[in-house]
Amino acid sequence: QVQLVESGGGLVQPGGSLRLSCAASGTIFNIYAMGWYRRAEGKTRETVARIISDGTTYYADSVKGRFTISRDNNTVYLQMNSLKPEDTAVYYCRMNIATLGDYWGKGVLVTVSS
């Protein structure tokens, strides 16, 4: 029923910036929490950033000071600055929608390389 549409992935040089977007299709939902997760090749999934409906945010230590999560209605963003090669991964969007449950995007590839 709910589709998450992600965009903004791609290839960027070390030190560069990229902004990821994820929107729930169709309508504005009652979204309790949104988050970004990533999985690098050969590694397990890790939490990158989360934002709750009351505005509370969480960041992984590895991205603090470089990444910023924000939301606008049914869309969540991840602004990524000062990117490093170790940030290379597939990034997944997650939304917890009241009464409906958790939904995940299909993932977008971010490659940081010179």
PDB file of N, CA and C in Angstrom:
ATOM      1  N   GLN A   1       0.822  -1.212   0.000  1.00  0.00           N
ATOM      2  CA  GLN A   1       0.000   0.000   0.000  1.00  0.00           C
ATOM      3  C   GLN A   1       0.853   1.258   0.000  1.00  0.00           C
ATOM      4  N   VAL A   2       1.902   1.260   0.806  1.00  0.00           N
ATOM      5  CA  VAL A   2       2.783   2.414   0.924  1.00  0.00           C
ATOM      6  C   VAL A   2       4.070   2.144   0.168  1.00  0.00           C
ATOM      7  N   GLN A   3       4.453   3.094  -0.664  1.00  0.00           N
ATOM      8  CA  GLN A   3       5.687   2.987  -1.418  1.00  0.00           C
ATOM      9  C   GLN A   3       6.617   4.133  -1.050  1.00  0.00           C
ATOM     10  N   LEU A   4       7.859   3.803  -0.735  1.00  0.00           N
ATOM     11  CA  LEU A   4       8.864   4.809  -0.428  1.00  0.00           C
ATOM     12  C   LEU A   4       9.746   4.995  -1.650  1.00  0.00           C
ATOM     13  N   VAL A   5       9.828   6.231  -2.122  1.00  0.00           N
ATOM     14  CA  VAL A   5      10.596   6.553  -3.311  1.00  0.00           C
ATOM     15  C   VAL A   5      11.848   7.307  -2.902  1.00  0.00           C
ATOM     16  N   GLU A   6      13.013   6.698  -3.140  1.00  0.00           N
ATOM     17  CA  GLU A   6      14.290   7.281  -2.765  1.00  0.00           C
ATOM     18  C   GLU A   6      14.977   7.876  -3.983  1.00  0.00           C
ATOM     19  N   SER A   7      15.767   8.910  -3.747  1.00  0.00           N
ATOM     20  CA  SER A   7      16.532   9.529  -4.814  1.00  0.00           C
ATOM     21  C   SER A   7      17.749  10.223  -4.228  1.00  0.00           C
ATOM     22  N   GLY A   8      18.700  10.565  -5.083  1.00  0.00           N
ATOM     23  CA  GLY A   8      19.854  11.341  -4.669  1.00  0.00           C
ATOM     24  C   GLY A   8      21.157  10.577  -4.578  1.00  0.00           C
ATOM     25  N   GLY A   9      21.133   9.273  -4.777  1.00  0.00           N
ATOM     26  CA  GLY A   9      22.361   8.509  -4.733  1.00  0.00           C
ATOM     27  C   GLY A   9      23.212   8.751  -5.956  1.00  0.00           C
ATOM     28  N   GLY A  10      24.448   8.274  -5.894  1.00  0.00           N
ATOM     29  CA  GLY A  10      25.343   8.427  -7.022  1.00  0.00           C
ATOM     30  C   GLY A  10      26.793   8.389  -6.616  1.00  0.00           C
ATOM     31  N   LEU A  11      27.642   8.841  -7.518  1.00  0.00           N
ATOM     32  CA  LEU A  11      29.085   8.865  -7.319  1.00  0.00           C
ATOM     33  C   LEU A  11      29.528  10.269  -6.940  1.00  0.00           C
ATOM     34  N   VAL A  12      30.330  10.369  -5.891  1.00  0.00           N
ATOM     35  CA  VAL A  12      30.825  11.662  -5.436  1.00  0.00           C
ATOM     36  C   VAL A  12      32.275  11.505  -4.980  1.00  0.00           C
ATOM     37  N   GLN A  13      33.057  12.569  -5.125  1.00  0.00           N
ATOM     38  CA  GLN A  13      34.449  12.541  -4.700  1.00  0.00           C
ATOM     39  C   GLN A  13      34.575  12.708  -3.190  1.00  0.00           C
ATOM     40  N   PRO A  14      35.638  12.176  -2.588  1.00  0.00           N
ATOM     41  CA  PRO A  14      35.858  12.411  -1.156  1.00  0.00           C
ATOM     42  C   PRO A  14      35.847  13.897  -0.833  1.00  0.00           C
ATOM     43  N   GLY A  15      35.189  14.243   0.270  1.00  0.00           N
ATOM     44  CA  GLY A  15      35.046  15.630   0.659  1.00  0.00           C
ATOM     45  C   GLY A  15      33.829  16.312   0.073  1.00  0.00           C
ATOM     46  N   GLY A  16      33.164  15.649  -0.849  1.00  0.00           N
ATOM     47  CA  GLY A  16      31.991  16.211  -1.484  1.00  0.00           C
ATOM     48  C   GLY A  16      30.733  16.038  -0.665  1.00  0.00           C
ATOM     49  N   SER A  17      29.619  16.486  -1.243  1.00  0.00           N
ATOM     50  CA  SER A  17      28.333  16.440  -0.566  1.00  0.00           C
ATOM     51  C   SER A  17      27.281  15.776  -1.434  1.00  0.00           C
ATOM     52  N   LEU A  18      26.271  15.239  -0.778  1.00  0.00           N
ATOM     53  CA  LEU A  18      25.166  14.587  -1.460  1.00  0.00           C
ATOM     54  C   LEU A  18      23.948  14.678  -0.557  1.00  0.00           C
ATOM     55  N   ARG A  19      22.776  14.801  -1.150  1.00  0.00           N
ATOM     56  CA  ARG A  19      21.543  14.815  -0.370  1.00  0.00           C
ATOM     57  C   ARG A  19      20.609  13.713  -0.847  1.00  0.00           C
ATOM     58  N   LEU A  20      20.223  12.849   0.074  1.00  0.00           N
ATOM     59  CA  LEU A  20      19.274  11.793  -0.213  1.00  0.00           C
ATOM     60  C   LEU A  20      17.870  12.230   0.184  1.00  0.00           C
ATOM     61  N   SER A  21      16.889  11.796  -0.590  1.00  0.00           N
ATOM     62  CA  SER A  21      15.494  12.089  -0.304  1.00  0.00           C
ATOM     63  C   SER A  21      14.692  10.801  -0.329  1.00  0.00           C
ATOM     64  N   CYS A  22      13.665  10.748   0.491  1.00  0.00           N
ATOM     65  CA  CYS A  22      12.775   9.595   0.525  1.00  0.00           C
ATOM     66  C   CYS A  22      11.375  10.090   0.830  1.00  0.00           C
ATOM     67  N   ALA A  23      10.437   9.801  -0.057  1.00  0.00           N
ATOM     68  CA  ALA A  23       9.071  10.276   0.096  1.00  0.00           C
ATOM     69  C   ALA A  23       8.088   9.118   0.032  1.00  0.00           C
ATOM     70  N   ALA A  24       7.114   9.145   0.920  1.00  0.00           N
ATOM     71  CA  ALA A  24       6.007   8.203   0.850  1.00  0.00           C
ATOM     72  C   ALA A  24       5.073   8.656  -0.259  1.00  0.00           C
ATOM     73  N   SER A  25       4.780   7.771  -1.175  1.00  0.00           N
ATOM     74  CA  SER A  25       4.022   8.140  -2.362  1.00  0.00           C
ATOM     75  C   SER A  25       2.559   8.412  -2.059  1.00  0.00           C
ATOM     76  N   GLY A  26       1.977   9.282  -2.871  1.00  0.00           N
ATOM     77  CA  GLY A  26       0.540   9.487  -2.901  1.00  0.00           C
ATOM     78  C   GLY A  26      -0.024  10.534  -1.970  1.00  0.00           C
ATOM     79  N   THR A  27       0.155  10.322  -0.682  1.00  0.00           N
ATOM     80  CA  THR A  27      -0.481  11.186   0.296  1.00  0.00           C
ATOM     81  C   THR A  27       0.462  11.486   1.453  1.00  0.00           C
ATOM     82  N   ILE A  28       0.006  12.365   2.333  1.00  0.00           N
ATOM     83  CA  ILE A  28       0.722  12.646   3.567  1.00  0.00           C
ATOM     84  C   ILE A  28       0.229  11.682   4.635  1.00  0.00           C
ATOM     85  N   PHE A  29       1.161  10.984   5.275  1.00  0.00           N
ATOM     86  CA  PHE A  29       0.831   9.994   6.284  1.00  0.00           C
ATOM     87  C   PHE A  29       1.155  10.486   7.685  1.00  0.00           C
ATOM     88  N   ASN A  30       0.582   9.807   8.664  1.00  0.00           N
ATOM     89  CA  ASN A  30       0.918  10.058  10.059  1.00  0.00           C
ATOM     90  C   ASN A  30       2.164   9.235  10.381  1.00  0.00           C
ATOM     91  N   ILE A  31       3.319   9.854  10.188  1.00  0.00           N
ATOM     92  CA  ILE A  31       4.589   9.154  10.317  1.00  0.00           C
ATOM     93  C   ILE A  31       5.178   9.400  11.695  1.00  0.00           C
ATOM     94  N   TYR A  32       5.405   8.326  12.448  1.00  0.00           N
ATOM     95  CA  TYR A  32       5.946   8.450  13.795  1.00  0.00           C
ATOM     96  C   TYR A  32       7.461   8.654  13.776  1.00  0.00           C
ATOM     97  N   ALA A  33       8.143   7.902  12.938  1.00  0.00           N
ATOM     98  CA  ALA A  33       9.592   7.989  12.897  1.00  0.00           C
ATOM     99  C   ALA A  33      10.094   7.725  11.483  1.00  0.00           C
ATOM    100  N   MET A  34      11.226   8.325  11.171  1.00  0.00           N
ATOM    101  CA  MET A  34      11.888   8.105   9.897  1.00  0.00           C
ATOM    102  C   MET A  34      13.368   7.848  10.153  1.00  0.00           C
ATOM    103  N   GLY A  35      13.995   7.118   9.267  1.00  0.00           N
ATOM    104  CA  GLY A  35      15.401   6.851   9.465  1.00  0.00           C
ATOM    105  C   GLY A  35      16.115   6.467   8.188  1.00  0.00           C
ATOM    106  N   TRP A  36      17.434   6.562   8.260  1.00  0.00           N
ATOM    107  CA  TRP A  36      18.309   6.116   7.186  1.00  0.00           C
ATOM    108  C   TRP A  36      19.258   5.060   7.725  1.00  0.00           C
ATOM    109  N   TYR A  37      19.420   3.994   6.965  1.00  0.00           N
ATOM    110  CA  TYR A  37      20.293   2.891   7.311  1.00  0.00           C
ATOM    111  C   TYR A  37      21.196   2.607   6.127  1.00  0.00           C
ATOM    112  N   ARG A  38      22.303   1.951   6.365  1.00  0.00           N
ATOM    113  CA  ARG A  38      23.180   1.633   5.252  1.00  0.00           C
ATOM    114  C   ARG A  38      23.834   0.270   5.443  1.00  0.00           C
ATOM    115  N   ARG A  39      24.183  -0.337   4.305  1.00  0.00           N
ATOM    116  CA  ARG A  39      24.882  -1.609   4.309  1.00  0.00           C
ATOM    117  C   ARG A  39      26.012  -1.539   3.289  1.00  0.00           C
ATOM    118  N   ALA A  40      27.229  -1.632   3.770  1.00  0.00           N
ATOM    119  CA  ALA A  40      28.387  -1.693   2.898  1.00  0.00           C
ATOM    120  C   ALA A  40      28.643  -3.149   2.522  1.00  0.00           C
ATOM    121  N   GLU A  41      29.295  -3.354   1.401  1.00  0.00           N
ATOM    122  CA  GLU A  41      29.580  -4.703   0.929  1.00  0.00           C
ATOM    123  C   GLU A  41      30.379  -5.476   1.963  1.00  0.00           C
ATOM    124  N   GLY A  42      29.881  -6.656   2.307  1.00  0.00           N
ATOM    125  CA  GLY A  42      30.557  -7.495   3.274  1.00  0.00           C
ATOM    126  C   GLY A  42      30.297  -7.145   4.716  1.00  0.00           C
ATOM    127  N   LYS A  43      29.433  -6.164   4.975  1.00  0.00           N
ATOM    128  CA  LYS A  43      29.134  -5.746   6.333  1.00  0.00           C
ATOM    129  C   LYS A  43      27.642  -5.837   6.620  1.00  0.00           C
ATOM    130  N   THR A  44      27.295  -5.786   7.896  1.00  0.00           N
ATOM    131  CA  THR A  44      25.901  -5.803   8.302  1.00  0.00           C
ATOM    132  C   THR A  44      25.304  -4.402   8.218  1.00  0.00           C
ATOM    133  N   ARG A  45      23.979  -4.346   8.244  1.00  0.00           N
ATOM    134  CA  ARG A  45      23.295  -3.068   8.210  1.00  0.00           C
ATOM    135  C   ARG A  45      23.550  -2.280   9.482  1.00  0.00           C
ATOM    136  N   GLU A  46      23.694  -0.972   9.348  1.00  0.00           N
ATOM    137  CA  GLU A  46      23.858  -0.115  10.501  1.00  0.00           C
ATOM    138  C   GLU A  46      22.943   1.097  10.397  1.00  0.00           C
ATOM    139  N   THR A  47      22.557   1.606  11.545  1.00  0.00           N
ATOM    140  CA  THR A  47      21.753   2.810  11.600  1.00  0.00           C
ATOM    141  C   THR A  47      22.632   4.027  11.361  1.00  0.00           C
ATOM    142  N   VAL A  48      22.205   4.897  10.455  1.00  0.00           N
ATOM    143  CA  VAL A  48      22.931   6.126  10.164  1.00  0.00           C
ATOM    144  C   VAL A  48      22.333   7.293  10.930  1.00  0.00           C
ATOM    145  N   ALA A  49      21.021   7.483  10.806  1.00  0.00           N
ATOM    146  CA  ALA A  49      20.341   8.589  11.466  1.00  0.00           C
ATOM    147  C   ALA A  49      18.859   8.289  11.575  1.00  0.00           C
ATOM    148  N   ARG A  50      18.236   8.834  12.612  1.00  0.00           N
ATOM    149  CA  ARG A  50      16.806   8.683  12.823  1.00  0.00           C
ATOM    150  C   ARG A  50      16.229   9.998  13.303  1.00  0.00           C
ATOM    151  N   ILE A  51      14.958  10.232  12.984  1.00  0.00           N
ATOM    152  CA  ILE A  51      14.246  11.402  13.485  1.00  0.00           C
ATOM    153  C   ILE A  51      12.844  10.978  13.887  1.00  0.00           C
ATOM    154  N   ILE A  52      12.430  11.396  15.088  1.00  0.00           N
ATOM    155  CA  ILE A  52      11.134  11.048  15.636  1.00  0.00           C
ATOM    156  C   ILE A  52      10.174  12.212  15.416  1.00  0.00           C
ATOM    157  N   SER A  53       8.882  11.940  15.550  1.00  0.00           N
ATOM    158  CA  SER A  53       7.870  12.956  15.277  1.00  0.00           C
ATOM    159  C   SER A  53       7.977  14.176  16.176  1.00  0.00           C
ATOM    160  N   ASP A  54       8.561  14.008  17.375  1.00  0.00           N
ATOM    161  CA  ASP A  54       8.728  15.140  18.278  1.00  0.00           C
ATOM    162  C   ASP A  54       9.987  15.947  17.982  1.00  0.00           C
ATOM    163  N   GLY A  55      10.725  15.564  16.953  1.00  0.00           N
ATOM    164  CA  GLY A  55      11.917  16.278  16.557  1.00  0.00           C
ATOM    165  C   GLY A  55      13.215  15.690  17.054  1.00  0.00           C
ATOM    166  N   THR A  56      13.160  14.702  17.929  1.00  0.00           N
ATOM    167  CA  THR A  56      14.359  14.065  18.445  1.00  0.00           C
ATOM    168  C   THR A  56      15.130  13.386  17.323  1.00  0.00           C
ATOM    169  N   THR A  57      16.438  13.566  17.319  1.00  0.00           N
ATOM    170  CA  THR A  57      17.282  12.957  16.293  1.00  0.00           C
ATOM    171  C   THR A  57      18.367  12.099  16.920  1.00  0.00           C
ATOM    172  N   TYR A  58      18.848  11.158  16.145  1.00  0.00           N
ATOM    173  CA  TYR A  58      19.950  10.288  16.538  1.00  0.00           C
ATOM    174  C   TYR A  58      20.897  10.147  15.354  1.00  0.00           C
ATOM    175  N   TYR A  59      22.189  10.158  15.645  1.00  0.00           N
ATOM    176  CA  TYR A  59      23.198   9.962  14.613  1.00  0.00           C
ATOM    177  C   TYR A  59      24.224   8.944  15.069  1.00  0.00           C
ATOM    178  N   ALA A  60      24.658   8.119  14.153  1.00  0.00           N
ATOM    179  CA  ALA A  60      25.778   7.248  14.434  1.00  0.00           C
ATOM    180  C   ALA A  60      27.025   8.092  14.676  1.00  0.00           C
ATOM    181  N   ASP A  61      27.892   7.617  15.571  1.00  0.00           N
ATOM    182  CA  ASP A  61      29.103   8.374  15.888  1.00  0.00           C
ATOM    183  C   ASP A  61      29.940   8.664  14.645  1.00  0.00           C
ATOM    184  N   SER A  62      29.940   7.752  13.705  1.00  0.00           N
ATOM    185  CA  SER A  62      30.774   7.889  12.523  1.00  0.00           C
ATOM    186  C   SER A  62      30.340   9.013  11.588  1.00  0.00           C
ATOM    187  N   VAL A  63      29.107   9.511  11.745  1.00  0.00           N
ATOM    188  CA  VAL A  63      28.608  10.551  10.841  1.00  0.00           C
ATOM    189  C   VAL A  63      28.281  11.853  11.550  1.00  0.00           C
ATOM    190  N   LYS A  64      28.410  11.904  12.859  1.00  0.00           N
ATOM    191  CA  LYS A  64      28.105  13.122  13.608  1.00  0.00           C
ATOM    192  C   LYS A  64      28.959  14.286  13.127  1.00  0.00           C
ATOM    193  N   GLY A  65      28.300  15.420  12.928  1.00  0.00           N
ATOM    194  CA  GLY A  65      28.985  16.603  12.440  1.00  0.00           C
ATOM    195  C   GLY A  65      29.091  16.674  10.941  1.00  0.00           C
ATOM    196  N   ARG A  66      28.779  15.581  10.256  1.00  0.00           N
ATOM    197  CA  ARG A  66      28.868  15.546   8.797  1.00  0.00           C
ATOM    198  C   ARG A  66      27.511  15.351   8.132  1.00  0.00           C
ATOM    199  N   PHE A  67      26.632  14.563   8.749  1.00  0.00           N
ATOM    200  CA  PHE A  67      25.317  14.255   8.188  1.00  0.00           C
ATOM    201  C   PHE A  67      24.233  14.961   8.992  1.00  0.00           C
ATOM    202  N   THR A  68      23.147  15.333   8.309  1.00  0.00           N
ATOM    203  CA  THR A  68      21.999  15.944   8.959  1.00  0.00           C
ATOM    204  C   THR A  68      20.718  15.320   8.424  1.00  0.00           C
ATOM    205  N   ILE A  69      19.863  14.847   9.324  1.00  0.00           N
ATOM    206  CA  ILE A  69      18.579  14.303   8.925  1.00  0.00           C
ATOM    207  C   ILE A  69      17.498  15.340   9.194  1.00  0.00           C
ATOM    208  N   SER A  70      16.533  15.436   8.297  1.00  0.00           N
ATOM    209  CA  SER A  70      15.425  16.365   8.457  1.00  0.00           C
ATOM    210  C   SER A  70      14.190  15.786   7.789  1.00  0.00           C
ATOM    211  N   ARG A  71      13.040  16.368   8.088  1.00  0.00           N
ATOM    212  CA  ARG A  71      11.794  15.879   7.502  1.00  0.00           C
ATOM    213  C   ARG A  71      10.910  17.042   7.092  1.00  0.00           C
ATOM    214  N   ASP A  72      10.066  16.789   6.115  1.00  0.00           N
ATOM    215  CA  ASP A  72       9.095  17.758   5.633  1.00  0.00           C
ATOM    216  C   ASP A  72       7.865  16.972   5.226  1.00  0.00           C
ATOM    217  N   ASN A  73       6.874  16.964   6.113  1.00  0.00           N
ATOM    218  CA  ASN A  73       5.653  16.189   5.883  1.00  0.00           C
ATOM    219  C   ASN A  73       5.978  14.715   5.662  1.00  0.00           C
ATOM    220  N   ASN A  74       5.758  14.206   4.462  1.00  0.00           N
ATOM    221  CA  ASN A  74       5.964  12.790   4.191  1.00  0.00           C
ATOM    222  C   ASN A  74       7.317  12.479   3.571  1.00  0.00           C
ATOM    223  N   THR A  75       8.248  13.413   3.657  1.00  0.00           N
ATOM    224  CA  THR A  75       9.565  13.243   3.060  1.00  0.00           C
ATOM    225  C   THR A  75      10.657  13.374   4.112  1.00  0.00           C
ATOM    226  N   VAL A  76      11.648  12.502   4.041  1.00  0.00           N
ATOM    227  CA  VAL A  76      12.804  12.579   4.918  1.00  0.00           C
ATOM    228  C   VAL A  76      14.045  12.777   4.062  1.00  0.00           C
ATOM    229  N   TYR A  77      14.973  13.598   4.553  1.00  0.00           N
ATOM    230  CA  TYR A  77      16.193  13.909   3.833  1.00  0.00           C
ATOM    231  C   TYR A  77      17.412  13.519   4.655  1.00  0.00           C
ATOM    232  N   LEU A  78      18.490  13.249   3.970  1.00  0.00           N
ATOM    233  CA  LEU A  78      19.775  13.055   4.616  1.00  0.00           C
ATOM    234  C   LEU A  78      20.807  13.876   3.857  1.00  0.00           C
ATOM    235  N   GLN A  79      21.235  14.977   4.463  1.00  0.00           N
ATOM    236  CA  GLN A  79      22.279  15.806   3.889  1.00  0.00           C
ATOM    237  C   GLN A  79      23.622  15.260   4.341  1.00  0.00           C
ATOM    238  N   MET A  80      24.459  14.880   3.395  1.00  0.00           N
ATOM    239  CA  MET A  80      25.743  14.266   3.688  1.00  0.00           C
ATOM    240  C   MET A  80      26.855  15.180   3.195  1.00  0.00           C
ATOM    241  N   ASN A  81      27.670  15.657   4.115  1.00  0.00           N
ATOM    242  CA  ASN A  81      28.797  16.519   3.796  1.00  0.00           C
ATOM    243  C   ASN A  81      30.103  15.838   4.185  1.00  0.00           C
ATOM    244  N   SER A  82      31.197  16.351   3.641  1.00  0.00           N
ATOM    245  CA  SER A  82      32.530  15.820   3.948  1.00  0.00           C
ATOM    246  C   SER A  82      32.571  14.305   3.809  1.00  0.00           C
ATOM    247  N   LEU A  83      32.065  13.817   2.707  1.00  0.00           N
ATOM    248  CA  LEU A  83      31.954  12.375   2.505  1.00  0.00           C
ATOM    249  C   LEU A  83      33.321  11.708   2.424  1.00  0.00           C
ATOM    250  N   LYS A  84      33.377  10.494   2.949  1.00  0.00           N
ATOM    251  CA  LYS A  84      34.586   9.698   2.990  1.00  0.00           C
ATOM    252  C   LYS A  84      34.371   8.399   2.231  1.00  0.00           C
ATOM    253  N   PRO A  85      35.441   7.774   1.751  1.00  0.00           N
ATOM    254  CA  PRO A  85      35.282   6.490   1.054  1.00  0.00           C
ATOM    255  C   PRO A  85      34.549   5.448   1.890  1.00  0.00           C
ATOM    256  N   GLU A  86      34.733   5.468   3.207  1.00  0.00           N
ATOM    257  CA  GLU A  86      34.068   4.505   4.060  1.00  0.00           C
ATOM    258  C   GLU A  86      32.567   4.729   4.184  1.00  0.00           C
ATOM    259  N   ASP A  87      32.059   5.842   3.637  1.00  0.00           N
ATOM    260  CA  ASP A  87      30.621   6.067   3.581  1.00  0.00           C
ATOM    261  C   ASP A  87      29.973   5.319   2.421  1.00  0.00           C
ATOM    262  N   THR A  88      30.767   4.742   1.556  1.00  0.00           N
ATOM    263  CA  THR A  88      30.232   3.994   0.419  1.00  0.00           C
ATOM    264  C   THR A  88      29.364   2.844   0.906  1.00  0.00           C
ATOM    265  N   ALA A  89      28.120   2.808   0.440  1.00  0.00           N
ATOM    266  CA  ALA A  89      27.168   1.790   0.875  1.00  0.00           C
ATOM    267  C   ALA A  89      25.861   1.977   0.125  1.00  0.00           C
ATOM    268  N   VAL A  90      24.983   1.001   0.278  1.00  0.00           N
ATOM    269  CA  VAL A  90      23.601   1.172  -0.140  1.00  0.00           C
ATOM    270  C   VAL A  90      22.841   1.757   1.036  1.00  0.00           C
ATOM    271  N   TYR A  91      22.161   2.866   0.813  1.00  0.00           N
ATOM    272  CA  TYR A  91      21.428   3.560   1.860  1.00  0.00           C
ATOM    273  C   TYR A  91      19.937   3.271   1.727  1.00  0.00           C
ATOM    274  N   TYR A  92      19.316   2.896   2.843  1.00  0.00           N
ATOM    275  CA  TYR A  92      17.909   2.528   2.869  1.00  0.00           C
ATOM    276  C   TYR A  92      17.117   3.497   3.735  1.00  0.00           C
ATOM    277  N   CYS A  93      15.950   3.883   3.259  1.00  0.00           N
ATOM    278  CA  CYS A  93      15.025   4.722   3.995  1.00  0.00           C
ATOM    279  C   CYS A  93      14.004   3.853   4.717  1.00  0.00           C
ATOM    280  N   ARG A  94      13.649   4.238   5.940  1.00  0.00           N
ATOM    281  CA  ARG A  94      12.635   3.532   6.708  1.00  0.00           C
ATOM    282  C   ARG A  94      11.671   4.533   7.319  1.00  0.00           C
ATOM    283  N   MET A  95      10.378   4.229   7.251  1.00  0.00           N
ATOM    284  CA  MET A  95       9.357   5.040   7.897  1.00  0.00           C
ATOM    285  C   MET A  95       8.431   4.161   8.709  1.00  0.00           C
ATOM    286  N   ASN A  96       8.167   4.597   9.937  1.00  0.00           N
ATOM    287  CA  ASN A  96       7.179   3.950  10.780  1.00  0.00           C
ATOM    288  C   ASN A  96       5.912   4.780  10.710  1.00  0.00           C
ATOM    289  N   ILE A  97       4.881   4.234  10.084  1.00  0.00           N
ATOM    290  CA  ILE A  97       3.631   4.940   9.853  1.00  0.00           C
ATOM    291  C   ILE A  97       2.580   4.417  10.813  1.00  0.00           C
ATOM    292  N   ALA A  98       1.959   5.336  11.546  1.00  0.00           N
ATOM    293  CA  ALA A  98       0.977   4.962  12.560  1.00  0.00           C
ATOM    294  C   ALA A  98      -0.133   4.110  11.967  1.00  0.00           C
ATOM    295  N   THR A  99      -0.452   3.028  12.651  1.00  0.00           N
ATOM    296  CA  THR A  99      -1.490   2.044  12.320  1.00  0.00           C
ATOM    297  C   THR A  99      -1.128   1.153  11.129  1.00  0.00           C
ATOM    298  N   LEU A 100      -0.091   1.479  10.378  1.00  0.00           N
ATOM    299  CA  LEU A 100       0.270   0.693   9.205  1.00  0.00           C
ATOM    300  C   LEU A 100       1.538  -0.123   9.402  1.00  0.00           C
ATOM    301  N   GLY A 101       2.493   0.386  10.158  1.00  0.00           N
ATOM    302  CA  GLY A 101       3.719  -0.339  10.419  1.00  0.00           C
ATOM    303  C   GLY A 101       4.935   0.258   9.737  1.00  0.00           C
ATOM    304  N   ASP A 102       5.986  -0.548   9.651  1.00  0.00           N
ATOM    305  CA  ASP A 102       7.258  -0.113   9.073  1.00  0.00           C
ATOM    306  C   ASP A 102       7.312  -0.377   7.582  1.00  0.00           C
ATOM    307  N   TYR A 103       7.879   0.581   6.859  1.00  0.00           N
ATOM    308  CA  TYR A 103       8.085   0.447   5.428  1.00  0.00           C
ATOM    309  C   TYR A 103       9.513   0.833   5.088  1.00  0.00           C
ATOM    310  N   TRP A 104      10.068   0.147   4.101  1.00  0.00           N
ATOM    311  CA  TRP A 104      11.449   0.354   3.676  1.00  0.00           C
ATOM    312  C   TRP A 104      11.521   0.696   2.208  1.00  0.00           C
ATOM    313  N   GLY A 105      12.444   1.569   1.868  1.00  0.00           N
ATOM    314  CA  GLY A 105      12.748   1.830   0.477  1.00  0.00           C
ATOM    315  C   GLY A 105      13.609   0.720  -0.094  1.00  0.00           C
ATOM    316  N   LYS A 106      13.788   0.734  -1.400  1.00  0.00           N
ATOM    317  CA  LYS A 106      14.573  -0.306  -2.052  1.00  0.00           C
ATOM    318  C   LYS A 106      16.075  -0.082  -1.934  1.00  0.00           C
ATOM    319  N   GLY A 107      16.479   1.107  -1.542  1.00  0.00           N
ATOM    320  CA  GLY A 107      17.882   1.431  -1.365  1.00  0.00           C
ATOM    321  C   GLY A 107      18.468   2.181  -2.542  1.00  0.00           C
ATOM    322  N   VAL A 108      19.403   3.078  -2.243  1.00  0.00           N
ATOM    323  CA  VAL A 108      20.141   3.812  -3.265  1.00  0.00           C
ATOM    324  C   VAL A 108      21.628   3.673  -2.982  1.00  0.00           C
ATOM    325  N   LEU A 109      22.410   3.534  -4.037  1.00  0.00           N
ATOM    326  CA  LEU A 109      23.848   3.346  -3.891  1.00  0.00           C
ATOM    327  C   LEU A 109      24.559   4.687  -3.832  1.00  0.00           C
ATOM    328  N   VAL A 110      25.383   4.849  -2.806  1.00  0.00           N
ATOM    329  CA  VAL A 110      26.256   6.004  -2.673  1.00  0.00           C
ATOM    330  C   VAL A 110      27.694   5.508  -2.755  1.00  0.00           C
ATOM    331  N   THR A 111      28.435   6.026  -3.721  1.00  0.00           N
ATOM    332  CA  THR A 111      29.826   5.648  -3.899  1.00  0.00           C
ATOM    333  C   THR A 111      30.705   6.879  -3.747  1.00  0.00           C
ATOM    334  N   VAL A 112      31.634   6.824  -2.802  1.00  0.00           N
ATOM    335  CA  VAL A 112      32.552   7.929  -2.553  1.00  0.00           C
ATOM    336  C   VAL A 112      33.938   7.481  -2.998  1.00  0.00           C
ATOM    337  N   SER A 113      34.398   8.048  -4.087  1.00  0.00           N
ATOM    338  CA  SER A 113      35.665   7.620  -4.664  1.00  0.00           C
ATOM    339  C   SER A 113      36.231   8.716  -5.544  1.00  0.00           C
ATOM    340  N   SER A 114      37.557   8.779  -5.595  1.00  0.00           N
ATOM    341  CA  SER A 114      38.225   9.706  -6.491  1.00  0.00           C
ATOM    342  C   SER A 114      38.515   9.057  -7.827  1.00  0.00           C
TER     343      SER A 114
END
